Amino acid sequence: MPEIFECEQCGSTSFEELNTNQIKCSYCGTIYKKHSGEPAVVIGKGANVVVGKKGNVEIKGGLEIQSGANFDVQGQVVVNDRKKKKGGE
């Protein structure tokens, strides 16, 4: 079954390829970066990242926390890895 992507702005499933890294919704014109499979955010060894109590962070495209990094979350962090939807689901 072919994979179907859905526009986050309008819900359309019709896209045109702009180049090797971008697609554009044929209905509303929203441009998306193609997901390479690599995490969008990498917190490297030795990094010290703190999300405070009032923090509200959304990471689109995945997150990698390397060994030796400090990632302290007191608020909210949502990771949206944008997995593809299958037709009919």
N, C-alpha and C. Protein backbone atom coordinates (compact mmCIF):
# COMPACT_ATOMS: atom_id res chain seq x y z
N MET A 1 0.85 -1.19 0.00
CA MET A 1 0.00 0.00 0.00
C MET A 1 0.89 1.25 0.00
N PRO A 2 0.63 2.25 -0.84
CA PRO A 2 1.47 3.45 -0.89
C PRO A 2 1.35 4.27 0.40
N GLU A 3 2.44 4.97 0.73
CA GLU A 3 2.44 5.82 1.92
C GLU A 3 1.80 7.16 1.58
N ILE A 4 1.00 7.68 2.52
CA ILE A 4 0.31 8.95 2.31
C ILE A 4 0.76 9.94 3.38
N PHE A 5 1.13 11.13 2.96
CA PHE A 5 1.50 12.20 3.87
C PHE A 5 0.33 13.17 3.94
N GLU A 6 0.12 13.76 5.11
CA GLU A 6 -0.99 14.70 5.29
C GLU A 6 -0.45 16.06 5.71
N CYS A 7 -0.88 17.12 5.02
CA CYS A 7 -0.46 18.47 5.34
C CYS A 7 -0.97 18.84 6.73
N GLU A 8 -0.08 19.38 7.56
CA GLU A 8 -0.45 19.78 8.91
C GLU A 8 -1.32 21.02 8.92
N GLN A 9 -1.32 21.80 7.85
CA GLN A 9 -2.11 23.03 7.80
C GLN A 9 -3.52 22.81 7.30
N CYS A 10 -3.67 22.03 6.20
CA CYS A 10 -4.99 21.92 5.58
C CYS A 10 -5.52 20.50 5.46
N GLY A 11 -4.68 19.49 5.72
CA GLY A 11 -5.12 18.11 5.66
C GLY A 11 -5.02 17.47 4.28
N SER A 12 -4.57 18.21 3.30
CA SER A 12 -4.42 17.67 1.94
C SER A 12 -3.38 16.55 1.92
N THR A 13 -3.55 15.64 0.98
CA THR A 13 -2.56 14.57 0.80
C THR A 13 -1.88 14.68 -0.56
N SER A 14 -2.02 15.84 -1.20
CA SER A 14 -1.44 16.07 -2.52
C SER A 14 -0.23 17.00 -2.39
N PHE A 15 0.95 16.53 -2.81
CA PHE A 15 2.18 17.30 -2.70
C PHE A 15 2.94 17.28 -4.02
N GLU A 16 3.73 18.32 -4.24
CA GLU A 16 4.65 18.35 -5.38
C GLU A 16 6.06 18.48 -4.84
N GLU A 17 7.00 17.83 -5.51
CA GLU A 17 8.39 17.87 -5.09
C GLU A 17 9.04 19.13 -5.64
N LEU A 18 9.62 19.96 -4.75
CA LEU A 18 10.28 21.19 -5.19
C LEU A 18 11.74 20.92 -5.56
N ASN A 19 12.41 20.13 -4.72
CA ASN A 19 13.79 19.72 -4.96
C ASN A 19 14.04 18.47 -4.13
N THR A 20 15.28 18.05 -3.99
CA THR A 20 15.57 16.82 -3.27
C THR A 20 15.31 16.93 -1.77
N ASN A 21 15.17 18.15 -1.24
CA ASN A 21 14.99 18.33 0.20
C ASN A 21 13.63 18.88 0.62
N GLN A 22 12.79 19.30 -0.35
CA GLN A 22 11.54 19.95 0.01
C GLN A 22 10.37 19.47 -0.84
N ILE A 23 9.17 19.44 -0.19
CA ILE A 23 7.92 19.22 -0.90
C ILE A 23 6.97 20.35 -0.55
N LYS A 24 5.98 20.56 -1.41
CA LYS A 24 5.03 21.66 -1.22
C LYS A 24 3.62 21.11 -1.33
N CYS A 25 2.74 21.49 -0.39
CA CYS A 25 1.34 21.08 -0.45
C CYS A 25 0.71 21.70 -1.69
N SER A 26 0.08 20.88 -2.51
CA SER A 26 -0.54 21.36 -3.75
C SER A 26 -1.77 22.22 -3.48
N TYR A 27 -2.36 22.10 -2.29
CA TYR A 27 -3.57 22.84 -1.99
C TYR A 27 -3.29 24.21 -1.36
N CYS A 28 -2.53 24.22 -0.22
CA CYS A 28 -2.34 25.49 0.50
C CYS A 28 -0.95 26.10 0.31
N GLY A 29 -0.02 25.34 -0.29
CA GLY A 29 1.30 25.88 -0.57
C GLY A 29 2.32 25.77 0.56
N THR A 30 1.95 25.12 1.66
CA THR A 30 2.89 24.95 2.77
C THR A 30 4.08 24.11 2.30
N ILE A 31 5.28 24.56 2.65
CA ILE A 31 6.49 23.85 2.23
C ILE A 31 7.03 23.06 3.41
N TYR A 32 7.39 21.81 3.14
CA TYR A 32 7.95 20.92 4.16
C TYR A 32 9.32 20.45 3.74
N LYS A 33 10.18 20.29 4.74
CA LYS A 33 11.49 19.72 4.53
C LYS A 33 11.33 18.20 4.60
N LYS A 34 11.94 17.49 3.68
CA LYS A 34 11.86 16.03 3.71
C LYS A 34 12.68 15.52 4.88
N HIS A 35 12.13 14.54 5.58
CA HIS A 35 12.81 13.94 6.73
C HIS A 35 13.85 12.95 6.23
N SER A 36 15.09 13.16 6.65
CA SER A 36 16.20 12.34 6.18
C SER A 36 16.36 11.05 6.97
N GLY A 37 15.62 10.89 8.04
CA GLY A 37 15.79 9.73 8.90
C GLY A 37 16.72 10.02 10.07
N GLU A 38 17.48 11.10 9.97
CA GLU A 38 18.36 11.53 11.05
C GLU A 38 17.55 12.40 12.02
N PRO A 39 17.89 12.39 13.31
CA PRO A 39 17.16 13.24 14.26
C PRO A 39 17.37 14.72 13.94
N ALA A 40 16.33 15.51 14.16
CA ALA A 40 16.40 16.95 13.89
C ALA A 40 17.25 17.66 14.94
N VAL A 41 17.24 17.13 16.17
CA VAL A 41 18.00 17.74 17.26
C VAL A 41 18.91 16.67 17.87
N VAL A 42 20.18 17.01 17.99
CA VAL A 42 21.15 16.13 18.64
C VAL A 42 21.78 16.91 19.80
N ILE A 43 21.64 16.35 21.00
CA ILE A 43 22.27 16.96 22.18
C ILE A 43 23.54 16.16 22.43
N GLY A 44 24.67 16.79 22.17
CA GLY A 44 25.95 16.09 22.18
C GLY A 44 26.58 15.95 23.55
N LYS A 45 27.57 15.08 23.61
CA LYS A 45 28.33 14.82 24.83
C LYS A 45 28.85 16.14 25.40
N GLY A 46 28.65 16.33 26.70
CA GLY A 46 29.12 17.54 27.37
C GLY A 46 28.12 18.68 27.37
N ALA A 47 27.03 18.56 26.60
CA ALA A 47 26.02 19.62 26.56
C ALA A 47 25.23 19.64 27.87
N ASN A 48 24.77 20.82 28.26
CA ASN A 48 23.95 20.98 29.45
C ASN A 48 22.70 21.75 29.04
N VAL A 49 21.59 21.02 28.84
CA VAL A 49 20.34 21.62 28.37
C VAL A 49 19.30 21.50 29.48
N VAL A 50 18.68 22.62 29.84
CA VAL A 50 17.65 22.63 30.87
C VAL A 50 16.39 23.25 30.29
N VAL A 51 15.27 22.54 30.38
CA VAL A 51 13.96 23.08 30.01
C VAL A 51 13.27 23.40 31.33
N GLY A 52 13.09 24.68 31.60
CA GLY A 52 12.53 25.14 32.87
C GLY A 52 11.08 24.73 33.09
N LYS A 53 10.59 25.00 34.30
CA LYS A 53 9.23 24.60 34.70
C LYS A 53 8.16 25.14 33.77
N LYS A 54 8.36 26.33 33.23
CA LYS A 54 7.38 26.92 32.33
C LYS A 54 7.69 26.63 30.87
N GLY A 55 8.73 25.84 30.64
CA GLY A 55 9.14 25.51 29.26
C GLY A 55 8.13 24.62 28.57
N ASN A 56 7.90 24.89 27.31
CA ASN A 56 7.00 24.09 26.48
C ASN A 56 7.67 23.96 25.12
N VAL A 57 8.38 22.85 24.91
CA VAL A 57 9.21 22.66 23.73
C VAL A 57 8.62 21.56 22.84
N GLU A 58 8.53 21.82 21.53
CA GLU A 58 8.13 20.80 20.57
C GLU A 58 9.27 20.62 19.58
N ILE A 59 9.73 19.38 19.44
CA ILE A 59 10.80 19.06 18.51
C ILE A 59 10.21 18.24 17.37
N LYS A 60 10.28 18.77 16.17
CA LYS A 60 9.75 18.07 15.01
C LYS A 60 10.89 17.39 14.26
N GLY A 61 10.83 16.09 14.14
CA GLY A 61 11.83 15.37 13.38
C GLY A 61 12.72 14.46 14.19
N GLY A 62 12.51 14.33 15.47
CA GLY A 62 13.27 13.39 16.27
C GLY A 62 14.34 14.03 17.13
N LEU A 63 14.74 13.31 18.16
CA LEU A 63 15.70 13.80 19.15
C LEU A 63 16.68 12.69 19.49
N GLU A 64 17.96 13.05 19.56
CA GLU A 64 18.99 12.13 20.01
C GLU A 64 19.75 12.79 21.15
N ILE A 65 19.88 12.08 22.28
CA ILE A 65 20.64 12.57 23.41
C ILE A 65 21.84 11.64 23.55
N GLN A 66 23.02 12.16 23.30
CA GLN A 66 24.22 11.34 23.34
C GLN A 66 24.69 11.12 24.77
N SER A 67 25.39 10.02 24.96
CA SER A 67 25.96 9.69 26.26
C SER A 67 26.87 10.83 26.72
N GLY A 68 26.74 11.20 27.98
CA GLY A 68 27.56 12.28 28.52
C GLY A 68 26.90 13.65 28.45
N ALA A 69 25.69 13.71 27.89
CA ALA A 69 24.96 14.98 27.82
C ALA A 69 24.02 15.06 29.02
N ASN A 70 23.76 16.27 29.50
CA ASN A 70 22.80 16.51 30.57
C ASN A 70 21.57 17.17 29.95
N PHE A 71 20.43 16.51 30.04
CA PHE A 71 19.18 17.02 29.50
C PHE A 71 18.15 16.99 30.62
N ASP A 72 17.95 18.13 31.28
CA ASP A 72 17.08 18.24 32.44
C ASP A 72 15.76 18.87 32.02
N VAL A 73 14.67 18.10 32.13
CA VAL A 73 13.35 18.58 31.72
C VAL A 73 12.49 18.77 32.96
N GLN A 74 12.14 20.03 33.22
CA GLN A 74 11.24 20.35 34.34
C GLN A 74 9.87 20.74 33.80
N GLY A 75 9.85 21.21 32.57
CA GLY A 75 8.59 21.60 31.91
C GLY A 75 8.10 20.49 31.00
N GLN A 76 7.75 20.85 29.78
CA GLN A 76 7.19 19.88 28.83
C GLN A 76 8.02 19.85 27.55
N VAL A 77 8.36 18.64 27.11
CA VAL A 77 9.03 18.44 25.83
C VAL A 77 8.25 17.40 25.05
N VAL A 78 7.84 17.74 23.84
CA VAL A 78 7.13 16.82 22.96
C VAL A 78 8.00 16.58 21.74
N VAL A 79 8.24 15.31 21.42
CA VAL A 79 9.04 14.96 20.25
C VAL A 79 8.11 14.34 19.22
N ASN A 80 8.02 14.99 18.07
CA ASN A 80 7.17 14.52 16.98
C ASN A 80 8.10 14.03 15.88
N ASP A 81 8.24 12.71 15.74
CA ASP A 81 9.17 12.19 14.75
C ASP A 81 8.56 12.10 13.36
N ARG A 82 7.33 12.57 13.20
CA ARG A 82 6.66 12.66 11.88
C ARG A 82 6.69 11.35 11.11
N LYS A 83 6.27 10.30 11.74
CA LYS A 83 6.20 9.02 11.04
C LYS A 83 5.13 9.12 9.97
N LYS A 84 5.39 8.46 8.88
CA LYS A 84 4.47 8.48 7.74
C LYS A 84 3.18 7.75 8.07
N LYS A 85 2.07 8.27 7.57
CA LYS A 85 0.80 7.62 7.74
C LYS A 85 0.60 6.65 6.56
N LYS A 86 0.01 5.54 6.82
CA LYS A 86 -0.29 4.59 5.75
C LYS A 86 -1.72 4.84 5.28
N GLY A 87 -1.97 4.65 4.01
CA GLY A 87 -3.30 4.86 3.45
C GLY A 87 -4.35 4.05 4.18
N GLY A 88 -5.50 4.66 4.45
CA GLY A 88 -6.62 3.97 5.07
C GLY A 88 -6.57 3.96 6.60
N GLU A 89 -5.51 4.46 7.21
CA GLU A 89 -5.44 4.48 8.68
C GLU A 89 -5.91 5.80 9.22
